[in-house]
Amino acid sequence: MSLDKSNLKINLKVVMLDMMERENISINEFVNRFVDHIDDYVKGADINYTNGLIAPSTGGSVTGTFNGTLE
């Protein structure tokens, strides 16, 4: 799955509107709901590796520079 910025905007707007309609506002609830949507957004990212890392045939640490994209 790739990052869905428009869905994130909708979810954050819903949280804000819901909290604004309440008589008693909980800052902790707002922050928790806000952070949950950000967390879901980030976890939805795809990492597309293209090249750059080298694994030695004899084993050991991978070296090089990661080349790819985050979507």
C-alpha atoms as a PDB file:
ATOM      1  CA  MET A   1       0.000   0.000   0.000  1.00  0.00           C
ATOM      2  CA  SER A   2       1.281   3.493  -0.701  1.00  0.00           C
ATOM      3  CA  LEU A   3       0.889   6.673   1.310  1.00  0.00           C
ATOM      4  CA  ASP A   4      -2.613   8.136   1.022  1.00  0.00           C
ATOM      5  CA  LYS A   5      -2.340  11.820   1.897  1.00  0.00           C
ATOM      6  CA  SER A   6      -5.941  12.672   0.985  1.00  0.00           C
ATOM      7  CA  ASN A   7      -7.285   9.962   3.313  1.00  0.00           C
ATOM      8  CA  LEU A   8      -5.020  11.221   6.115  1.00  0.00           C
ATOM      9  CA  LYS A   9      -6.399  14.749   5.661  1.00  0.00           C
ATOM     10  CA  ILE A  10      -9.976  13.445   5.846  1.00  0.00           C
ATOM     11  CA  ASN A  11      -9.277  11.408   8.990  1.00  0.00           C
ATOM     12  CA  LEU A  12      -7.567  14.305  10.775  1.00  0.00           C
ATOM     13  CA  LYS A  13     -10.361  16.677   9.813  1.00  0.00           C
ATOM     14  CA  VAL A  14     -12.959  14.246  11.201  1.00  0.00           C
ATOM     15  CA  VAL A  15     -11.091  14.076  14.513  1.00  0.00           C
ATOM     16  CA  MET A  16     -10.844  17.856  14.750  1.00  0.00           C
ATOM     17  CA  LEU A  17     -14.491  18.456  13.853  1.00  0.00           C
ATOM     18  CA  ASP A  18     -15.641  15.806  16.311  1.00  0.00           C
ATOM     19  CA  MET A  19     -13.617  17.353  19.111  1.00  0.00           C
ATOM     20  CA  MET A  20     -14.835  20.880  18.288  1.00  0.00           C
ATOM     21  CA  GLU A  21     -18.481  19.798  18.589  1.00  0.00           C
ATOM     22  CA  ARG A  22     -18.030  18.533  22.128  1.00  0.00           C
ATOM     23  CA  GLU A  23     -18.792  20.511  25.226  1.00  0.00           C
ATOM     24  CA  ASN A  24     -15.945  18.877  27.170  1.00  0.00           C
ATOM     25  CA  ILE A  25     -12.780  18.456  25.156  1.00  0.00           C
ATOM     26  CA  SER A  26     -10.138  15.920  26.134  1.00  0.00           C
ATOM     27  CA  ILE A  27      -6.690  16.939  24.921  1.00  0.00           C
ATOM     28  CA  ASN A  28      -5.427  13.412  25.566  1.00  0.00           C
ATOM     29  CA  GLU A  29      -8.172  11.849  23.445  1.00  0.00           C
ATOM     30  CA  PHE A  30      -7.516  14.327  20.640  1.00  0.00           C
ATOM     31  CA  VAL A  31      -3.769  13.628  20.664  1.00  0.00           C
ATOM     32  CA  ASN A  32      -4.271   9.851  20.807  1.00  0.00           C
ATOM     33  CA  ARG A  33      -6.705   9.854  17.875  1.00  0.00           C
ATOM     34  CA  PHE A  34      -4.499  12.248  15.882  1.00  0.00           C
ATOM     35  CA  VAL A  35      -1.358  10.175  16.485  1.00  0.00           C
ATOM     36  CA  ASP A  36      -3.179   6.924  15.615  1.00  0.00           C
ATOM     37  CA  HIS A  37      -4.027   8.322  12.178  1.00  0.00           C
ATOM     38  CA  ILE A  38      -0.449   9.512  11.620  1.00  0.00           C
ATOM     39  CA  ASP A  39       0.835   6.089  12.713  1.00  0.00           C
ATOM     40  CA  ASP A  40      -1.512   4.307  10.277  1.00  0.00           C
ATOM     41  CA  TYR A  41      -0.404   6.668   7.493  1.00  0.00           C
ATOM     42  CA  VAL A  42       3.308   6.032   8.050  1.00  0.00           C
ATOM     43  CA  LYS A  43       2.836   2.272   8.391  1.00  0.00           C
ATOM     44  CA  GLY A  44       1.082   2.308   5.020  1.00  0.00           C
ATOM     45  CA  ALA A  45       4.269   3.378   3.231  1.00  0.00           C
ATOM     46  CA  ASP A  46       5.925   1.189   0.616  1.00  0.00           C
ATOM     47  CA  ILE A  47       9.709   1.048   0.394  1.00  0.00           C
ATOM     48  CA  ASN A  48      10.868   0.283  -3.134  1.00  0.00           C
ATOM     49  CA  TYR A  49      14.483  -0.867  -3.187  1.00  0.00           C
ATOM     50  CA  THR A  50      16.237  -0.484  -6.536  1.00  0.00           C
ATOM     51  CA  ASN A  51      19.924  -1.164  -5.846  1.00  0.00           C
ATOM     52  CA  GLY A  52      23.056  -0.159  -3.964  1.00  0.00           C
ATOM     53  CA  LEU A  53      23.534  -2.772  -1.245  1.00  0.00           C
ATOM     54  CA  ILE A  54      26.108  -5.539  -1.530  1.00  0.00           C
ATOM     55  CA  ALA A  55      26.076  -8.741   0.519  1.00  0.00           C
ATOM     56  CA  PRO A  56      29.447 -10.537   0.624  1.00  0.00           C
ATOM     57  CA  SER A  57      29.328 -14.094  -0.752  1.00  0.00           C
ATOM     58  CA  THR A  58      31.239 -15.290   2.310  1.00  0.00           C
ATOM     59  CA  GLY A  59      28.689 -13.805   4.688  1.00  0.00           C
ATOM     60  CA  GLY A  60      28.991 -10.765   6.889  1.00  0.00           C
ATOM     61  CA  SER A  61      27.576  -7.276   6.910  1.00  0.00           C
ATOM     62  CA  VAL A  62      25.807  -5.726   3.961  1.00  0.00           C
ATOM     63  CA  THR A  63      27.579  -2.615   2.653  1.00  0.00           C
ATOM     64  CA  GLY A  64      26.747   0.158   0.248  1.00  0.00           C
ATOM     65  CA  THR A  65      24.133   2.863  -0.045  1.00  0.00           C
ATOM     66  CA  PHE A  66      20.429   2.094  -0.200  1.00  0.00           C
ATOM     67  CA  ASN A  67      18.823   3.430  -3.378  1.00  0.00           C
ATOM     68  CA  GLY A  68      15.066   3.444  -3.633  1.00  0.00           C
ATOM     69  CA  THR A  69      11.902   5.368  -3.000  1.00  0.00           C
ATOM     70  CA  LEU A  70       9.327   5.770  -0.266  1.00  0.00           C
ATOM     71  CA  GLU A  71       5.718   5.917  -1.459  1.00  0.00           C
END
